[in-house]
C-alpha atoms as a PDB file:
ATOM      1  CA  MET A   1      -9.118 -40.917 -14.351  1.00  0.00           C
ATOM      2  CA  ALA A   2      -5.857 -39.537 -15.582  1.00  0.00           C
ATOM      3  CA  HIS A   3      -4.280 -36.543 -13.924  1.00  0.00           C
ATOM      4  CA  GLY A   4      -2.111 -34.117 -15.728  1.00  0.00           C
ATOM      5  CA  LYS A   5      -0.930 -30.521 -15.817  1.00  0.00           C
ATOM      6  CA  VAL A   6      -3.238 -27.863 -17.166  1.00  0.00           C
ATOM      7  CA  SER A   7      -1.733 -24.659 -18.403  1.00  0.00           C
ATOM      8  CA  ALA A   8      -3.269 -21.393 -19.568  1.00  0.00           C
ATOM      9  CA  SER A   9      -1.754 -18.323 -21.170  1.00  0.00           C
ATOM     10  CA  LEU A  10      -2.320 -15.079 -19.275  1.00  0.00           C
ATOM     11  CA  SER A  11      -2.861 -13.334 -22.592  1.00  0.00           C
ATOM     12  CA  SER A  12      -5.313 -15.952 -23.878  1.00  0.00           C
ATOM     13  CA  LYS A  13      -8.740 -14.504 -24.758  1.00  0.00           C
ATOM     14  CA  ASN A  14     -10.356 -17.797 -23.725  1.00  0.00           C
ATOM     15  CA  PHE A  15      -8.583 -17.684 -20.313  1.00  0.00           C
ATOM     16  CA  LYS A  16      -9.783 -14.110 -19.742  1.00  0.00           C
ATOM     17  CA  ARG A  17     -13.315 -15.056 -20.801  1.00  0.00           C
ATOM     18  CA  VAL A  18     -13.430 -17.928 -18.299  1.00  0.00           C
ATOM     19  CA  ILE A  19     -12.126 -15.786 -15.412  1.00  0.00           C
ATOM     20  CA  LYS A  20     -14.407 -12.835 -16.206  1.00  0.00           C
ATOM     21  CA  LYS A  21     -17.391 -15.168 -16.371  1.00  0.00           C
ATOM     22  CA  ARG A  22     -16.414 -16.460 -12.921  1.00  0.00           C
ATOM     23  CA  TYR A  23     -16.216 -12.876 -11.642  1.00  0.00           C
ATOM     24  CA  GLN A  24     -19.163 -11.308 -13.441  1.00  0.00           C
ATOM     25  CA  ARG A  25     -19.775  -9.024 -10.484  1.00  0.00           C
ATOM     26  CA  ALA A  26     -17.219  -6.918  -8.719  1.00  0.00           C
ATOM     27  CA  SER A  27     -14.849  -9.254  -6.954  1.00  0.00           C
ATOM     28  CA  LYS A  28     -14.373  -9.318  -3.180  1.00  0.00           C
ATOM     29  CA  LEU A  29     -10.741 -10.219  -3.695  1.00  0.00           C
ATOM     30  CA  LYS A  30      -8.334  -8.044  -1.745  1.00  0.00           C
ATOM     31  CA  LEU A  31      -5.533  -6.886  -4.087  1.00  0.00           C
ATOM     32  CA  ASP A  32      -2.371  -5.220  -2.749  1.00  0.00           C
ATOM     33  CA  VAL A  33       0.465  -3.705  -4.814  1.00  0.00           C
ATOM     34  CA  TYR A  34       4.066  -3.683  -3.671  1.00  0.00           C
ATOM     35  CA  ILE A  35       6.487  -1.464  -5.597  1.00  0.00           C
ATOM     36  CA  GLY A  36      10.181  -1.632  -4.845  1.00  0.00           C
ATOM     37  CA  CYS A  37       9.577  -3.477  -1.547  1.00  0.00           C
ATOM     38  CA  LYS A  38      11.331  -6.743  -2.211  1.00  0.00           C
ATOM     39  CA  ARG A  39      11.930  -7.494   1.453  1.00  0.00           C
ATOM     40  CA  LEU A  40       8.204  -7.298   2.071  1.00  0.00           C
ATOM     41  CA  ILE A  41       7.184  -9.293  -1.012  1.00  0.00           C
ATOM     42  CA  GLY A  42       9.060 -12.297   0.363  1.00  0.00           C
ATOM     43  CA  THR A  43       6.695 -12.410   3.357  1.00  0.00           C
ATOM     44  CA  CYS A  44       3.471 -12.058   1.291  1.00  0.00           C
ATOM     45  CA  GLN A  45       0.967 -14.826   0.656  1.00  0.00           C
ATOM     46  CA  GLY A  46      -1.015 -15.272  -2.518  1.00  0.00           C
ATOM     47  CA  VAL A  47       1.268 -13.328  -4.883  1.00  0.00           C
ATOM     48  CA  VAL A  48      -0.440 -13.140  -8.310  1.00  0.00           C
ATOM     49  CA  LEU A  49       2.169 -11.558 -10.555  1.00  0.00           C
ATOM     50  CA  SER A  50       5.443  -9.757 -10.188  1.00  0.00           C
ATOM     51  CA  ALA A  51       7.282  -7.301 -12.426  1.00  0.00           C
ATOM     52  CA  ASP A  52      11.048  -6.838 -12.420  1.00  0.00           C
ATOM     53  CA  ARG A  53      13.765  -5.320 -14.542  1.00  0.00           C
ATOM     54  CA  ILE A  54      15.076  -7.592 -17.242  1.00  0.00           C
ATOM     55  CA  SER A  55      18.596  -7.078 -15.862  1.00  0.00           C
ATOM     56  CA  GLU A  56      17.491  -9.057 -12.773  1.00  0.00           C
ATOM     57  CA  LEU A  57      16.668 -12.144 -14.863  1.00  0.00           C
ATOM     58  CA  ASN A  58      18.869 -15.207 -14.400  1.00  0.00           C
ATOM     59  CA  GLU A  59      18.196 -17.034 -17.644  1.00  0.00           C
ATOM     60  CA  GLU A  60      20.249 -20.044 -16.646  1.00  0.00           C
ATOM     61  CA  ALA A  61      18.119 -20.648 -13.566  1.00  0.00           C
ATOM     62  CA  HIS A  62      14.675 -19.777 -14.899  1.00  0.00           C
ATOM     63  CA  GLU A  63      14.551 -20.622 -18.675  1.00  0.00           C
ATOM     64  CA  PRO A  64      12.331 -17.645 -19.504  1.00  0.00           C
ATOM     65  CA  ILE A  65       9.672 -17.544 -22.224  1.00  0.00           C
ATOM     66  CA  ASP A  66       9.917 -14.607 -24.592  1.00  0.00           C
ATOM     67  CA  ALA A  67       6.839 -12.464 -25.186  1.00  0.00           C
ATOM     68  CA  SER A  68       6.422  -9.325 -27.268  1.00  0.00           C
ATOM     69  CA  ARG A  69       7.167  -6.790 -24.533  1.00  0.00           C
ATOM     70  CA  TYR A  70       8.617  -8.907 -21.715  1.00  0.00           C
ATOM     71  CA  LYS A  71      10.042 -12.250 -20.682  1.00  0.00           C
ATOM     72  CA  ARG A  72       8.218 -14.684 -18.401  1.00  0.00           C
ATOM     73  CA  ALA A  73       9.621 -16.902 -15.703  1.00  0.00           C
ATOM     74  CA  PHE A  74       8.605 -18.339 -12.310  1.00  0.00           C
ATOM     75  CA  SER A  75       9.989 -17.539  -8.888  1.00  0.00           C
ATOM     76  CA  SER A  76       8.876 -19.078  -5.587  1.00  0.00           C
ATOM     77  CA  GLY A  77       5.708 -20.410  -7.193  1.00  0.00           C
ATOM     78  CA  PHE A  78       4.410 -17.281  -8.927  1.00  0.00           C
ATOM     79  CA  PRO A  79       5.044 -15.845 -12.399  1.00  0.00           C
ATOM     80  CA  VAL A  80       7.496 -12.981 -12.830  1.00  0.00           C
ATOM     81  CA  LEU A  81       7.379 -10.741 -15.890  1.00  0.00           C
ATOM     82  CA  TYR A  82      10.709  -9.075 -16.751  1.00  0.00           C
ATOM     83  CA  PHE A  83      10.569  -5.702 -18.508  1.00  0.00           C
ATOM     84  CA  GLU A  84      13.061  -3.204 -19.873  1.00  0.00           C
ATOM     85  CA  ASP A  85      10.846  -0.555 -18.183  1.00  0.00           C
ATOM     86  CA  ARG A  86       9.570  -1.840 -14.822  1.00  0.00           C
ATOM     87  CA  VAL A  87       7.213   1.133 -14.337  1.00  0.00           C
ATOM     88  CA  MET A  88       5.481   0.279 -17.612  1.00  0.00           C
ATOM     89  CA  GLY A  89       5.429  -3.369 -16.604  1.00  0.00           C
ATOM     90  CA  THR A  90       3.890  -2.622 -13.200  1.00  0.00           C
ATOM     91  CA  LYS A  91       1.168  -0.489 -14.777  1.00  0.00           C
ATOM     92  CA  MET A  92       0.388  -3.251 -17.251  1.00  0.00           C
ATOM     93  CA  ILE A  93       0.073  -5.857 -14.488  1.00  0.00           C
ATOM     94  CA  VAL A  94      -2.187  -3.608 -12.390  1.00  0.00           C
ATOM     95  CA  ASP A  95      -4.437  -2.927 -15.377  1.00  0.00           C
ATOM     96  CA  TYR A  96      -4.541  -6.615 -16.295  1.00  0.00           C
ATOM     97  CA  VAL A  97      -5.335  -8.028 -12.842  1.00  0.00           C
ATOM     98  CA  THR A  98      -7.892  -5.406 -11.846  1.00  0.00           C
ATOM     99  CA  ASP A  99      -9.705  -5.789 -15.162  1.00  0.00           C
ATOM    100  CA  LEU A 100      -9.579  -9.583 -14.995  1.00  0.00           C
ATOM    101  CA  PHE A 101     -11.076  -9.811 -11.499  1.00  0.00           C
ATOM    102  CA  ARG A 102     -13.240  -6.655 -11.820  1.00  0.00           C
ATOM    103  CA  THR A 103     -11.849  -5.148  -8.671  1.00  0.00           C
ATOM    104  CA  SER A 104      -9.709  -2.224  -7.459  1.00  0.00           C
ATOM    105  CA  ILE A 105      -6.458  -1.980  -5.493  1.00  0.00           C
ATOM    106  CA  ASP A 106      -6.948  -2.182  -1.720  1.00  0.00           C
ATOM    107  CA  GLU A 107      -3.461  -1.387  -0.379  1.00  0.00           C
ATOM    108  CA  LEU A 108      -0.347   0.132  -1.883  1.00  0.00           C
ATOM    109  CA  TYR A 109       3.169  -0.403  -0.523  1.00  0.00           C
ATOM    110  CA  VAL A 110       5.894   1.826  -1.993  1.00  0.00           C
ATOM    111  CA  ASP A 111       9.455   2.886  -1.185  1.00  0.00           C
ATOM    112  CA  ARG A 112      10.830   6.321  -1.958  1.00  0.00           C
ATOM    113  CA  ASN A 113      11.275   5.396  -5.658  1.00  0.00           C
ATOM    114  CA  GLY A 114       7.695   4.231  -6.088  1.00  0.00           C
ATOM    115  CA  ILE A 115       5.901   7.496  -5.243  1.00  0.00           C
ATOM    116  CA  TRP A 116       4.680   7.738  -8.876  1.00  0.00           C
ATOM    117  CA  ALA A 117       2.307   4.822  -8.195  1.00  0.00           C
ATOM    118  CA  ILE A 118       0.166   6.874  -5.770  1.00  0.00           C
ATOM    119  CA  ASP A 119      -1.177   9.140  -8.519  1.00  0.00           C
ATOM    120  CA  PHE A 120      -1.401   6.215 -10.951  1.00  0.00           C
ATOM    121  CA  ILE A 121      -3.592   4.117  -8.644  1.00  0.00           C
ATOM    122  CA  ASN A 122      -5.760   7.066  -7.537  1.00  0.00           C
ATOM    123  CA  SER A 123      -6.393   8.161 -11.122  1.00  0.00           C
ATOM    124  CA  ARG A 124      -7.607   4.777 -12.296  1.00  0.00           C
ATOM    125  CA  GLN A 125     -10.099   3.829  -9.595  1.00  0.00           C
ATOM    126  CA  ASN A 126     -13.071   5.538  -7.957  1.00  0.00           C
ATOM    127  CA  THR A 127     -12.579   4.012  -4.482  1.00  0.00           C
ATOM    128  CA  PRO A 128      -9.714   5.369  -2.362  1.00  0.00           C
ATOM    129  CA  LEU A 129      -6.949   3.088  -1.206  1.00  0.00           C
ATOM    130  CA  ALA A 130      -7.779   1.472   2.128  1.00  0.00           C
ATOM    131  CA  GLY A 131      -4.120   1.612   3.114  1.00  0.00           C
ATOM    132  CA  LEU A 132      -0.965   3.371   1.870  1.00  0.00           C
ATOM    133  CA  PHE A 133       2.440   2.385   3.200  1.00  0.00           C
ATOM    134  CA  LEU A 134       5.673   4.329   2.554  1.00  0.00           C
ATOM    135  CA  VAL A 135       8.576   2.124   3.610  1.00  0.00           C
ATOM    136  CA  THR A 136      12.358   2.028   3.395  1.00  0.00           C
ATOM    137  CA  ALA A 137      13.811  -0.015   0.557  1.00  0.00           C
ATOM    138  CA  LYS A 138      16.860  -0.824   2.647  1.00  0.00           C
ATOM    139  CA  LYS A 139      18.514   0.218   5.910  1.00  0.00           C
ATOM    140  CA  GLU A 140      20.953   2.491   4.103  1.00  0.00           C
ATOM    141  CA  ASP A 141      18.171   4.615   2.548  1.00  0.00           C
ATOM    142  CA  PRO A 142      18.811   8.352   2.793  1.00  0.00           C
ATOM    143  CA  ILE A 143      16.543  10.920   4.476  1.00  0.00           C
ATOM    144  CA  ALA A 144      13.135  10.990   2.787  1.00  0.00           C
ATOM    145  CA  ASP A 145      11.606  14.296   3.960  1.00  0.00           C
ATOM    146  CA  GLU A 146      10.358  15.189   0.474  1.00  0.00           C
ATOM    147  CA  GLU A 147       8.690  11.834  -0.076  1.00  0.00           C
ATOM    148  CA  ALA A 148       7.101  11.829   3.360  1.00  0.00           C
ATOM    149  CA  GLU A 149       5.672  15.300   2.821  1.00  0.00           C
ATOM    150  CA  TYR A 150       4.327  14.310  -0.599  1.00  0.00           C
ATOM    151  CA  VAL A 151       2.497  11.277   0.856  1.00  0.00           C
ATOM    152  CA  LEU A 152       1.059  13.382   3.686  1.00  0.00           C
ATOM    153  CA  ARG A 153      -0.084  16.154   1.369  1.00  0.00           C
ATOM    154  CA  TYR A 154      -1.509  14.172  -1.563  1.00  0.00           C
ATOM    155  CA  SER A 155      -2.432  10.660  -0.412  1.00  0.00           C
ATOM    156  CA  LYS A 156      -6.125   9.738  -0.162  1.00  0.00           C
ATOM    157  CA  THR A 157      -6.673   6.716   2.017  1.00  0.00           C
ATOM    158  CA  GLY A 158      -9.822   5.349   3.528  1.00  0.00           C
ATOM    159  CA  GLU A 159      -8.377   3.718   6.642  1.00  0.00           C
ATOM    160  CA  LEU A 160      -4.641   3.692   7.131  1.00  0.00           C
ATOM    161  CA  LEU A 161      -1.626   5.839   6.222  1.00  0.00           C
ATOM    162  CA  ASP A 162       1.695   4.419   7.450  1.00  0.00           C
ATOM    163  CA  ILE A 163       4.998   6.241   6.878  1.00  0.00           C
ATOM    164  CA  HIS A 164       8.063   4.192   7.823  1.00  0.00           C
ATOM    165  CA  VAL A 165      11.064   6.081   6.415  1.00  0.00           C
ATOM    166  CA  LYS A 166      13.916   8.173   7.792  1.00  0.00           C
ATOM    167  CA  VAL A 167      13.081  11.850   8.252  1.00  0.00           C
ATOM    168  CA  SER A 168      15.295  14.665   9.493  1.00  0.00           C
ATOM    169  CA  GLU A 169      15.038  15.847  13.110  1.00  0.00           C
ATOM    170  CA  ASN A 170      13.486  19.163  12.086  1.00  0.00           C
ATOM    171  CA  PHE A 171      10.873  17.622   9.726  1.00  0.00           C
ATOM    172  CA  ARG A 172       7.582  19.580   9.955  1.00  0.00           C
ATOM    173  CA  PHE A 173       4.196  19.275   8.281  1.00  0.00           C
ATOM    174  CA  THR A 174       1.435  21.784   9.046  1.00  0.00           C
ATOM    175  CA  ALA A 175      -0.812  21.674   5.994  1.00  0.00           C
ATOM    176  CA  TRP A 176      -3.752  19.976   7.776  1.00  0.00           C
ATOM    177  CA  PHE A 177      -3.964  22.260  10.782  1.00  0.00           C
ATOM    178  CA  ASP A 178      -4.253  25.956  11.592  1.00  0.00           C
ATOM    179  CA  PRO A 179      -1.046  26.791  13.445  1.00  0.00           C
ATOM    180  CA  GLU A 180      -3.083  28.976  15.825  1.00  0.00           C
ATOM    181  CA  LEU A 181      -5.317  26.109  16.964  1.00  0.00           C
ATOM    182  CA  GLU A 182      -4.701  25.048  20.532  1.00  0.00           C
ATOM    183  CA  ILE A 183      -3.318  21.564  21.224  1.00  0.00           C
ATOM    184  CA  VAL A 184      -4.620  20.350  24.574  1.00  0.00           C
ATOM    185  CA  GLU A 185      -3.017  17.553  26.587  1.00  0.00           C
ATOM    186  CA  THR A 186      -5.467  14.888  27.704  1.00  0.00           C
ATOM    187  CA  ASP A 187      -5.451  11.871  29.994  1.00  0.00           C
ATOM    188  CA  GLU A 188      -8.699  10.336  28.701  1.00  0.00           C
ATOM    189  CA  VAL A 189      -8.901   6.791  27.329  1.00  0.00           C
ATOM    190  CA  ARG A 190     -10.844   6.344  24.081  1.00  0.00           C
ATOM    191  CA  ARG A 191     -11.532   3.311  21.915  1.00  0.00           C
ATOM    192  CA  TYR A 192     -11.550   3.253  18.136  1.00  0.00           C
ATOM    193  CA  ARG A 193     -11.969   0.660  15.431  1.00  0.00           C
ATOM    194  CA  TYR A 194      -8.985  -0.474  13.409  1.00  0.00           C
ATOM    195  CA  ARG A 195      -9.165  -2.996  10.573  1.00  0.00           C
ATOM    196  CA  TYR A 196      -5.675  -4.483  10.688  1.00  0.00           C
ATOM    197  CA  ASP A 197      -3.840  -6.604  13.209  1.00  0.00           C
ATOM    198  CA  TYR A 198      -0.869  -4.335  12.788  1.00  0.00           C
ATOM    199  CA  LEU A 199      -0.041  -2.781  16.124  1.00  0.00           C
ATOM    200  CA  SER A 200       3.241  -4.621  16.626  1.00  0.00           C
ATOM    201  CA  TYR A 201       4.605  -3.235  13.320  1.00  0.00           C
ATOM    202  CA  CYS A 202       3.389   0.295  14.063  1.00  0.00           C
ATOM    203  CA  VAL A 203       5.465   0.435  17.276  1.00  0.00           C
ATOM    204  CA  SER A 204       8.518   1.141  15.128  1.00  0.00           C
ATOM    205  CA  CYS A 205       7.002   3.378  12.443  1.00  0.00           C
ATOM    206  CA  PHE A 206       7.083   7.172  12.096  1.00  0.00           C
ATOM    207  CA  LEU A 207       3.429   7.972  11.494  1.00  0.00           C
ATOM    208  CA  CYS A 208       0.131   6.096  11.481  1.00  0.00           C
ATOM    209  CA  LEU A 209      -3.352   7.367  10.779  1.00  0.00           C
ATOM    210  CA  PHE A 210      -6.185   5.031  11.778  1.00  0.00           C
ATOM    211  CA  SER A 211      -9.942   4.820  11.277  1.00  0.00           C
ATOM    212  CA  ASP A 212     -12.683   2.188  11.023  1.00  0.00           C
ATOM    213  CA  GLY A 213     -12.026  -1.439  11.816  1.00  0.00           C
ATOM    214  CA  SER A 214     -11.582  -3.712  14.855  1.00  0.00           C
ATOM    215  CA  GLU A 215     -11.666  -2.071  18.266  1.00  0.00           C
ATOM    216  CA  MET A 216      -8.450  -0.713  19.795  1.00  0.00           C
ATOM    217  CA  GLU A 217      -7.629   1.840  22.475  1.00  0.00           C
ATOM    218  CA  VAL A 218      -5.689   5.102  22.670  1.00  0.00           C
ATOM    219  CA  GLN A 219      -4.635   6.500  26.052  1.00  0.00           C
ATOM    220  CA  GLY A 220      -3.690  10.093  26.870  1.00  0.00           C
ATOM    221  CA  GLY A 221      -1.856  12.121  24.232  1.00  0.00           C
ATOM    222  CA  PHE A 222      -2.992  15.484  22.839  1.00  0.00           C
ATOM    223  CA  SER A 223      -6.340  16.647  21.506  1.00  0.00           C
ATOM    224  CA  ILE A 224      -6.526  18.879  18.399  1.00  0.00           C
ATOM    225  CA  GLN A 225      -9.218  20.105  16.024  1.00  0.00           C
ATOM    226  CA  ARG A 226      -8.685  20.193  12.230  1.00  0.00           C
ATOM    227  CA  MET A 227      -9.644  23.267  10.232  1.00  0.00           C
ATOM    228  CA  ASP A 228     -12.871  21.568   9.061  1.00  0.00           C
ATOM    229  CA  GLY A 229     -13.919  20.904  12.660  1.00  0.00           C
ATOM    230  CA  VAL A 230     -12.904  17.225  12.876  1.00  0.00           C
ATOM    231  CA  ASN A 231     -11.304  16.319  16.192  1.00  0.00           C
ATOM    232  CA  ALA A 232      -8.190  14.169  16.480  1.00  0.00           C
ATOM    233  CA  THR A 233      -6.066  12.649  19.219  1.00  0.00           C
ATOM    234  CA  ILE A 234      -2.295  12.545  18.850  1.00  0.00           C
ATOM    235  CA  VAL A 235      -0.096  10.095  20.717  1.00  0.00           C
ATOM    236  CA  CYS A 236       3.687  10.435  20.529  1.00  0.00           C
ATOM    237  CA  ASP A 237       6.404   8.063  21.644  1.00  0.00           C
ATOM    238  CA  ILE A 238       9.894   7.088  20.557  1.00  0.00           C
ATOM    239  CA  ARG A 239       9.812   6.774  16.745  1.00  0.00           C
ATOM    240  CA  LEU A 240       6.014   6.779  16.857  1.00  0.00           C
ATOM    241  CA  PHE A 241       3.429   9.407  15.921  1.00  0.00           C
ATOM    242  CA  CYS A 242      -0.152   8.136  16.007  1.00  0.00           C
ATOM    243  CA  MET A 243      -3.087  10.322  14.996  1.00  0.00           C
ATOM    244  CA  VAL A 244      -6.689   9.094  15.359  1.00  0.00           C
ATOM    245  CA  PHE A 245      -9.503  11.060  13.737  1.00  0.00           C
ATOM    246  CA  TRP A 246     -12.881  10.920  15.483  1.00  0.00           C
ATOM    247  CA  HIS A 247     -16.133  10.762  13.508  1.00  0.00           C
ATOM    248  CA  SER A 248     -19.071  12.970  14.345  1.00  0.00           C
ATOM    249  CA  ASP A 249     -20.495  10.192  16.552  1.00  0.00           C
ATOM    250  CA  GLY A 250     -17.307  10.168  18.634  1.00  0.00           C
ATOM    251  CA  ASN A 251     -15.940   6.900  17.241  1.00  0.00           C
END
């Protein structure tokens, strides 16, 4: 039996038909989107597609293929589409992949320049993001108070909100809580479920919100009640603010 290379065009109707037939029902694939987070993309496994500005294309190294609205090339084993407008390109890729595999986006990673993607993702799918991560693009990033407040105010996540950017010393956010509510210090130990094996990373982040998943433990901290009656425990440390919301059953 002879062995040879098999190629398929991403825009081929036959290719789409084969994939959609394979995924006739909603796919259980976990799809994450990284926008502007190049240092994180390098550590990811299973990258499907990547969009970049056409100015980043090294034609001598990659021998790109011209398409109607972009150029195609390969980098580190996955296809990269180069666009004049990377925002438009990113939206096109998200629409293409989610439609192809009949699934929604699970996690979104953005830096301060990718805030636009939060509304874009939320507006196109019924299920909320499981996780939203706001990260620094580079160490020299400026203060991101405005971006952090936007994410806190408007993000809708089912399990995890992680903000890992520089904020000013006097940064405040009070929209969730009545300023007259009492915050009570506590020494109790409570367990909660957390889906990700992510604790080591969260040690150096600014804010984490956790809910359902594998079991973990929170010790001490402060107890507070949200305006809708939901209780939360807050744990503060150096460069760490962790808030755990408790369900009606206490978990």
